[in-house]
Structures are given as structure tokens and as C-alpha cells.
Amino acid sequence: MAQFMIDIADDDVERVLNSLSANYNRPLEIINPDFNPDEPPSESNPEKIDNPETLYQFGNRMVRSFLTENVKAYEIRLAKEQAAALVDTNVSIKDTAI
């Protein structure tokens, strides 16, 4: 499998990750998958927990998603153009009242 790598200057890493986090709406907290609704919320049964996905993991996932969605959009556009080129769209319509 090929690798696609980029280098980000050390001084810019935090800026890049924070912008991805903000632009793609990374929540600071998520719904606790272990929350027990039969018990009241408490420190041992919180409704929300800190997001376990790190900024690095989130940034990586967003970049992979961006690339995937771009390939998908491009290939769908090509397929539509190729299909349209094969279709005869000429229509003969006559008004018999004239």
C-alpha cells in the first residue's frame, strides 16, 4: 500500500490541528457509552466524558475523509459525464394543432 505523507512545521502543528478541530466540529466531550440511565448522573456515572479521540487522531481521520470524499465526488462526476455522452437526448416534438 502506498503512503501519502505531509510535513507540517513544528510551530504550525497545533494551529493545523486546532483549525481542523474547529472547522470539522470535534466535540470536547461525547456521550458516555457506559452511562446507565437507570442511575442518576454522578461522578461515577457521567452522562458525558472527555472525547477519547485525540486531536492527532481526529485530524488524521478528517484528512482521510476529505481525500475519500474528493475521490468519490470526482469519480461520480466522471461516471455521469460518461453516461450522458452515451445517451441520445434529442427529442422530436411536434404540435399537431399548428
N, C-alpha and C. Protein backbone atom coordinates (compact mmCIF):
# COMPACT_ATOMS: atom_id res chain seq x y z
N MET A 1 0.85 -1.17 0.00
CA MET A 1 0.00 0.00 0.00
C MET A 1 0.89 1.24 0.00
N ALA A 2 0.53 2.22 -0.78
CA ALA A 2 1.30 3.46 -0.85
C ALA A 2 1.01 4.32 0.37
N GLN A 3 1.95 5.19 0.68
CA GLN A 3 1.77 6.14 1.77
C GLN A 3 1.73 7.55 1.20
N PHE A 4 0.89 8.37 1.77
CA PHE A 4 0.79 9.78 1.40
C PHE A 4 1.17 10.54 2.66
N MET A 5 2.31 11.22 2.60
CA MET A 5 2.81 11.89 3.80
C MET A 5 2.98 13.37 3.54
N ILE A 6 2.75 14.16 4.59
CA ILE A 6 2.99 15.59 4.53
C ILE A 6 3.82 15.98 5.75
N ASP A 7 4.55 17.05 5.61
CA ASP A 7 5.31 17.60 6.72
C ASP A 7 4.67 18.92 7.12
N ILE A 8 4.47 19.08 8.42
CA ILE A 8 3.95 20.34 8.97
C ILE A 8 5.01 20.86 9.93
N ALA A 9 5.36 22.11 9.77
CA ALA A 9 6.37 22.71 10.65
C ALA A 9 5.92 22.57 12.10
N ASP A 10 6.87 22.28 12.98
CA ASP A 10 6.56 22.09 14.39
C ASP A 10 5.75 23.26 14.96
N ASP A 11 6.08 24.46 14.56
CA ASP A 11 5.38 25.65 15.06
C ASP A 11 3.93 25.73 14.56
N ASP A 12 3.60 24.99 13.51
CA ASP A 12 2.26 25.06 12.92
C ASP A 12 1.35 23.89 13.27
N VAL A 13 1.89 22.83 13.85
CA VAL A 13 1.09 21.63 14.12
C VAL A 13 -0.14 21.95 14.95
N GLU A 14 0.05 22.67 16.05
CA GLU A 14 -1.09 22.99 16.92
C GLU A 14 -2.13 23.82 16.18
N ARG A 15 -1.68 24.78 15.37
CA ARG A 15 -2.61 25.61 14.59
C ARG A 15 -3.42 24.76 13.62
N VAL A 16 -2.74 23.85 12.93
CA VAL A 16 -3.41 22.99 11.95
C VAL A 16 -4.44 22.10 12.64
N LEU A 17 -4.04 21.47 13.74
CA LEU A 17 -4.97 20.57 14.43
C LEU A 17 -6.13 21.33 15.06
N ASN A 18 -5.86 22.49 15.63
CA ASN A 18 -6.95 23.29 16.21
C ASN A 18 -7.92 23.77 15.14
N SER A 19 -7.41 24.13 13.96
CA SER A 19 -8.31 24.58 12.89
C SER A 19 -9.15 23.42 12.37
N LEU A 20 -8.56 22.24 12.23
CA LEU A 20 -9.35 21.07 11.83
C LEU A 20 -10.42 20.76 12.87
N SER A 21 -10.04 20.84 14.12
CA SER A 21 -10.96 20.58 15.21
C SER A 21 -12.14 21.55 15.18
N ALA A 22 -11.86 22.82 14.97
CA ALA A 22 -12.92 23.83 14.93
C ALA A 22 -13.75 23.72 13.66
N ASN A 23 -13.10 23.58 12.52
CA ASN A 23 -13.82 23.56 11.24
C ASN A 23 -14.64 22.30 11.03
N TYR A 24 -14.24 21.20 11.65
CA TYR A 24 -14.97 19.94 11.50
C TYR A 24 -15.70 19.55 12.77
N ASN A 25 -15.85 20.51 13.69
CA ASN A 25 -16.71 20.36 14.87
C ASN A 25 -16.37 19.17 15.77
N ARG A 26 -15.11 19.05 16.15
CA ARG A 26 -14.73 17.99 17.08
C ARG A 26 -15.26 18.36 18.47
N PRO A 27 -16.10 17.52 19.05
CA PRO A 27 -16.61 17.82 20.38
C PRO A 27 -15.54 17.57 21.45
N LEU A 28 -15.52 18.44 22.45
CA LEU A 28 -14.61 18.23 23.58
C LEU A 28 -15.08 17.08 24.45
N GLU A 29 -16.41 16.89 24.49
CA GLU A 29 -17.00 15.79 25.25
C GLU A 29 -17.92 15.00 24.33
N ILE A 30 -18.10 13.73 24.68
CA ILE A 30 -19.02 12.87 23.94
C ILE A 30 -19.97 12.22 24.94
N ILE A 31 -21.05 11.66 24.43
CA ILE A 31 -21.97 10.92 25.29
C ILE A 31 -21.25 9.68 25.81
N ASN A 32 -21.36 9.46 27.09
CA ASN A 32 -20.70 8.33 27.74
C ASN A 32 -21.36 7.03 27.29
N PRO A 33 -20.63 6.17 26.58
CA PRO A 33 -21.24 4.91 26.12
C PRO A 33 -21.57 3.98 27.29
N ASP A 34 -20.98 4.22 28.45
CA ASP A 34 -21.24 3.39 29.62
C ASP A 34 -22.24 4.02 30.58
N PHE A 35 -22.84 5.14 30.19
CA PHE A 35 -23.81 5.80 31.07
C PHE A 35 -24.98 4.88 31.34
N ASN A 36 -25.37 4.78 32.59
CA ASN A 36 -26.51 3.96 32.98
C ASN A 36 -27.69 4.89 33.25
N PRO A 37 -28.69 4.94 32.36
CA PRO A 37 -29.82 5.85 32.54
C PRO A 37 -30.71 5.46 33.72
N ASP A 38 -30.53 4.25 34.24
CA ASP A 38 -31.32 3.82 35.39
C ASP A 38 -30.78 4.37 36.70
N GLU A 39 -29.60 4.97 36.64
CA GLU A 39 -28.99 5.59 37.82
C GLU A 39 -28.84 7.08 37.56
N PRO A 40 -28.86 7.87 38.62
CA PRO A 40 -28.70 9.32 38.41
C PRO A 40 -27.28 9.64 37.93
N PRO A 41 -27.15 10.70 37.14
CA PRO A 41 -25.80 11.11 36.74
C PRO A 41 -24.97 11.45 37.97
N SER A 42 -23.73 11.04 37.92
CA SER A 42 -22.82 11.30 39.04
C SER A 42 -21.39 11.24 38.52
N GLU A 43 -20.45 11.44 39.43
CA GLU A 43 -19.05 11.37 39.04
C GLU A 43 -18.69 9.96 38.55
N SER A 44 -19.34 8.95 39.13
CA SER A 44 -19.07 7.57 38.70
C SER A 44 -19.99 7.12 37.55
N ASN A 45 -21.00 7.95 37.24
CA ASN A 45 -21.93 7.64 36.14
C ASN A 45 -22.20 8.93 35.36
N PRO A 46 -21.16 9.48 34.72
CA PRO A 46 -21.36 10.75 33.99
C PRO A 46 -22.10 10.53 32.68
N GLU A 47 -22.92 11.52 32.32
CA GLU A 47 -23.63 11.45 31.04
C GLU A 47 -22.67 11.68 29.87
N LYS A 48 -21.67 12.52 30.11
CA LYS A 48 -20.68 12.81 29.07
C LYS A 48 -19.28 12.56 29.62
N ILE A 49 -18.37 12.26 28.71
CA ILE A 49 -16.97 12.06 29.07
C ILE A 49 -16.10 12.87 28.11
N ASP A 50 -14.86 13.10 28.50
CA ASP A 50 -13.92 13.76 27.59
C ASP A 50 -13.78 12.92 26.32
N ASN A 51 -13.67 13.59 25.21
CA ASN A 51 -13.53 12.91 23.93
C ASN A 51 -12.24 12.08 23.93
N PRO A 52 -12.34 10.76 23.79
CA PRO A 52 -11.14 9.93 23.82
C PRO A 52 -10.31 10.01 22.54
N GLU A 53 -10.89 10.55 21.47
CA GLU A 53 -10.15 10.70 20.21
C GLU A 53 -9.25 11.92 20.32
N THR A 54 -7.96 11.73 20.21
CA THR A 54 -7.02 12.84 20.33
C THR A 54 -7.14 13.77 19.13
N LEU A 55 -6.58 14.98 19.29
CA LEU A 55 -6.56 15.92 18.17
C LEU A 55 -5.83 15.31 16.98
N TYR A 56 -4.74 14.58 17.22
CA TYR A 56 -3.99 13.95 16.13
C TYR A 56 -4.85 12.91 15.42
N GLN A 57 -5.54 12.08 16.19
CA GLN A 57 -6.41 11.06 15.58
C GLN A 57 -7.54 11.71 14.79
N PHE A 58 -8.15 12.74 15.38
CA PHE A 58 -9.23 13.44 14.71
C PHE A 58 -8.74 14.09 13.42
N GLY A 59 -7.61 14.78 13.48
CA GLY A 59 -7.05 15.41 12.29
C GLY A 59 -6.76 14.41 11.20
N ASN A 60 -6.19 13.29 11.57
CA ASN A 60 -5.89 12.23 10.61
C ASN A 60 -7.17 11.71 9.97
N ARG A 61 -8.19 11.49 10.80
CA ARG A 61 -9.47 10.98 10.28
C ARG A 61 -10.12 11.98 9.34
N MET A 62 -10.05 13.27 9.66
CA MET A 62 -10.66 14.29 8.81
C MET A 62 -9.94 14.40 7.46
N VAL A 63 -8.61 14.30 7.48
CA VAL A 63 -7.85 14.36 6.22
C VAL A 63 -8.18 13.14 5.36
N ARG A 64 -8.25 11.96 5.98
CA ARG A 64 -8.61 10.76 5.21
C ARG A 64 -10.02 10.87 4.65
N SER A 65 -10.94 11.41 5.44
CA SER A 65 -12.31 11.60 4.98
C SER A 65 -12.37 12.60 3.82
N PHE A 66 -11.61 13.69 3.94
CA PHE A 66 -11.55 14.70 2.88
C PHE A 66 -11.08 14.07 1.57
N LEU A 67 -10.00 13.29 1.64
CA LEU A 67 -9.47 12.65 0.43
C LEU A 67 -10.47 11.65 -0.15
N THR A 68 -11.08 10.85 0.70
CA THR A 68 -12.06 9.87 0.26
C THR A 68 -13.24 10.53 -0.43
N GLU A 69 -13.78 11.58 0.18
CA GLU A 69 -14.94 12.28 -0.39
C GLU A 69 -14.59 12.96 -1.71
N ASN A 70 -13.37 13.46 -1.84
CA ASN A 70 -12.96 14.07 -3.10
C ASN A 70 -12.83 13.05 -4.21
N VAL A 71 -12.28 11.89 -3.92
CA VAL A 71 -12.19 10.83 -4.93
C VAL A 71 -13.59 10.40 -5.35
N LYS A 72 -14.46 10.22 -4.36
CA LYS A 72 -15.83 9.79 -4.65
C LYS A 72 -16.55 10.81 -5.54
N ALA A 73 -16.46 12.09 -5.19
CA ALA A 73 -17.13 13.14 -5.97
C ALA A 73 -16.58 13.19 -7.39
N TYR A 74 -15.28 13.08 -7.53
CA TYR A 74 -14.64 13.12 -8.85
C TYR A 74 -15.10 11.94 -9.70
N GLU A 75 -15.08 10.74 -9.13
CA GLU A 75 -15.45 9.55 -9.92
C GLU A 75 -16.93 9.53 -10.26
N ILE A 76 -17.77 10.04 -9.38
CA ILE A 76 -19.20 10.13 -9.69
C ILE A 76 -19.43 11.13 -10.82
N ARG A 77 -18.73 12.27 -10.75
CA ARG A 77 -18.86 13.28 -11.83
C ARG A 77 -18.42 12.69 -13.16
N LEU A 78 -17.30 11.96 -13.17
CA LEU A 78 -16.84 11.33 -14.41
C LEU A 78 -17.85 10.32 -14.94
N ALA A 79 -18.39 9.51 -14.05
CA ALA A 79 -19.36 8.49 -14.47
C ALA A 79 -20.61 9.14 -15.06
N LYS A 80 -21.06 10.24 -14.46
CA LYS A 80 -22.23 10.95 -15.00
C LYS A 80 -21.93 11.52 -16.39
N GLU A 81 -20.74 12.12 -16.54
CA GLU A 81 -20.37 12.68 -17.83
C GLU A 81 -20.28 11.59 -18.89
N GLN A 82 -19.70 10.45 -18.55
CA GLN A 82 -19.57 9.35 -19.50
C GLN A 82 -20.93 8.77 -19.85
N ALA A 83 -21.82 8.63 -18.86
CA ALA A 83 -23.16 8.11 -19.13
C ALA A 83 -23.95 9.08 -20.00
N ALA A 84 -23.84 10.36 -19.72
CA ALA A 84 -24.57 11.37 -20.50
C ALA A 84 -24.10 11.40 -21.94
N ALA A 85 -22.81 11.16 -22.16
CA ALA A 85 -22.27 11.18 -23.52
C ALA A 85 -22.83 10.03 -24.36
N LEU A 86 -23.29 8.96 -23.72
CA LEU A 86 -23.80 7.80 -24.43
C LEU A 86 -25.31 7.85 -24.69
N VAL A 87 -25.98 8.83 -24.12
CA VAL A 87 -27.43 8.91 -24.22
C VAL A 87 -27.81 9.89 -25.33
N ASP A 88 -28.74 9.45 -26.18
CA ASP A 88 -29.28 10.34 -27.21
C ASP A 88 -30.39 11.16 -26.54
N THR A 89 -30.14 12.43 -26.35
CA THR A 89 -31.12 13.28 -25.66
C THR A 89 -31.95 14.11 -26.63
N ASN A 90 -31.81 13.86 -27.91
CA ASN A 90 -32.62 14.58 -28.89
C ASN A 90 -34.05 14.08 -28.83
N VAL A 91 -34.97 15.01 -28.86
CA VAL A 91 -36.39 14.68 -28.78
C VAL A 91 -37.09 15.44 -29.90
N SER A 92 -37.95 14.74 -30.61
CA SER A 92 -38.74 15.38 -31.68
C SER A 92 -40.15 15.55 -31.17
N ILE A 93 -40.56 16.80 -31.01
CA ILE A 93 -41.92 17.09 -30.52
C ILE A 93 -42.58 18.03 -31.52
N LYS A 94 -43.76 17.65 -31.99
CA LYS A 94 -44.48 18.48 -32.95
C LYS A 94 -45.84 18.82 -32.39
N ASP A 95 -46.27 20.03 -32.69
CA ASP A 95 -47.60 20.46 -32.29
C ASP A 95 -48.53 20.23 -33.47
N THR A 96 -49.38 19.24 -33.35
CA THR A 96 -50.28 18.89 -34.46
C THR A 96 -51.40 19.91 -34.65
N ALA A 97 -51.57 20.81 -33.72
CA ALA A 97 -52.61 21.83 -33.83
C ALA A 97 -52.17 22.98 -34.71
N ILE A 98 -50.91 23.04 -35.06
CA ILE A 98 -50.42 24.16 -35.89
C ILE A 98 -50.36 23.74 -37.33
